Amino acid sequence: MIKIYGVGRGRGKEGENKPAAPKRQPGEIRIQKELDELELPPHTSIAVPDKNNLMAFHITIAPDEGFWKGATYKFVFNVPGAYPHEPPKVKCETKIYHPNIDLQGNVCLNILREDWKPVLSINTIVYGLLYLFLEPNPGDPLNHEAADALRTDRVNFARLVGRSLKGGVVAGESFPKLT
């Protein structure tokens, strides 16, 4: 009797067994495709620290307009194995005075939470982050003090952001010099 299953699998030229390639999860395959096709906006870059782990990478954004113009912010992406059915975890590694990013780097972006859908992509998230720099949303804040400042007096908010970018103290918090 001939065994159909396994015929020709795992054999080298001389009939030796080859080690099997590690099986990739669907999320890894999707991330590979997305990263290959990524179309980053100007002043944005990506770094993959471990080429063997595409599920963890950094996106750097340097806004060219808005309150945070001239500074550079690093976001860490950790993609779960269930991606794209679960959104990536995104944290801002650069301390920032922003209504939608708290002092621990947690990011409040609707598509990273309740509005996530598997059709969304890393590219969508990057554009969402960029939009937070152009149009911060004081109506859905993580940093309530920054949101209140933005809501009540945009000119004063701009002054506070400027102070934070120069390495000053805002609301009792010290910020790194970014400009």
Foldseek 3Di string as FASTA:
>chain_A
DDDPPPVPPQQDPVGHGDDDDDDDAPQVVVLVVCVVVADADPQKDKADPDPVDSQKIKMKHADCDALRHQFIWIKIWHHDSPPPQAATFIFIPFQALAFQADRRGHGDFCCNPDVPDRVDDPNNVNVSVNVCRVDPDLVGGPPVVLSVCCVPPVVVSSVQRVQQCCQHADPNDTHHNGD
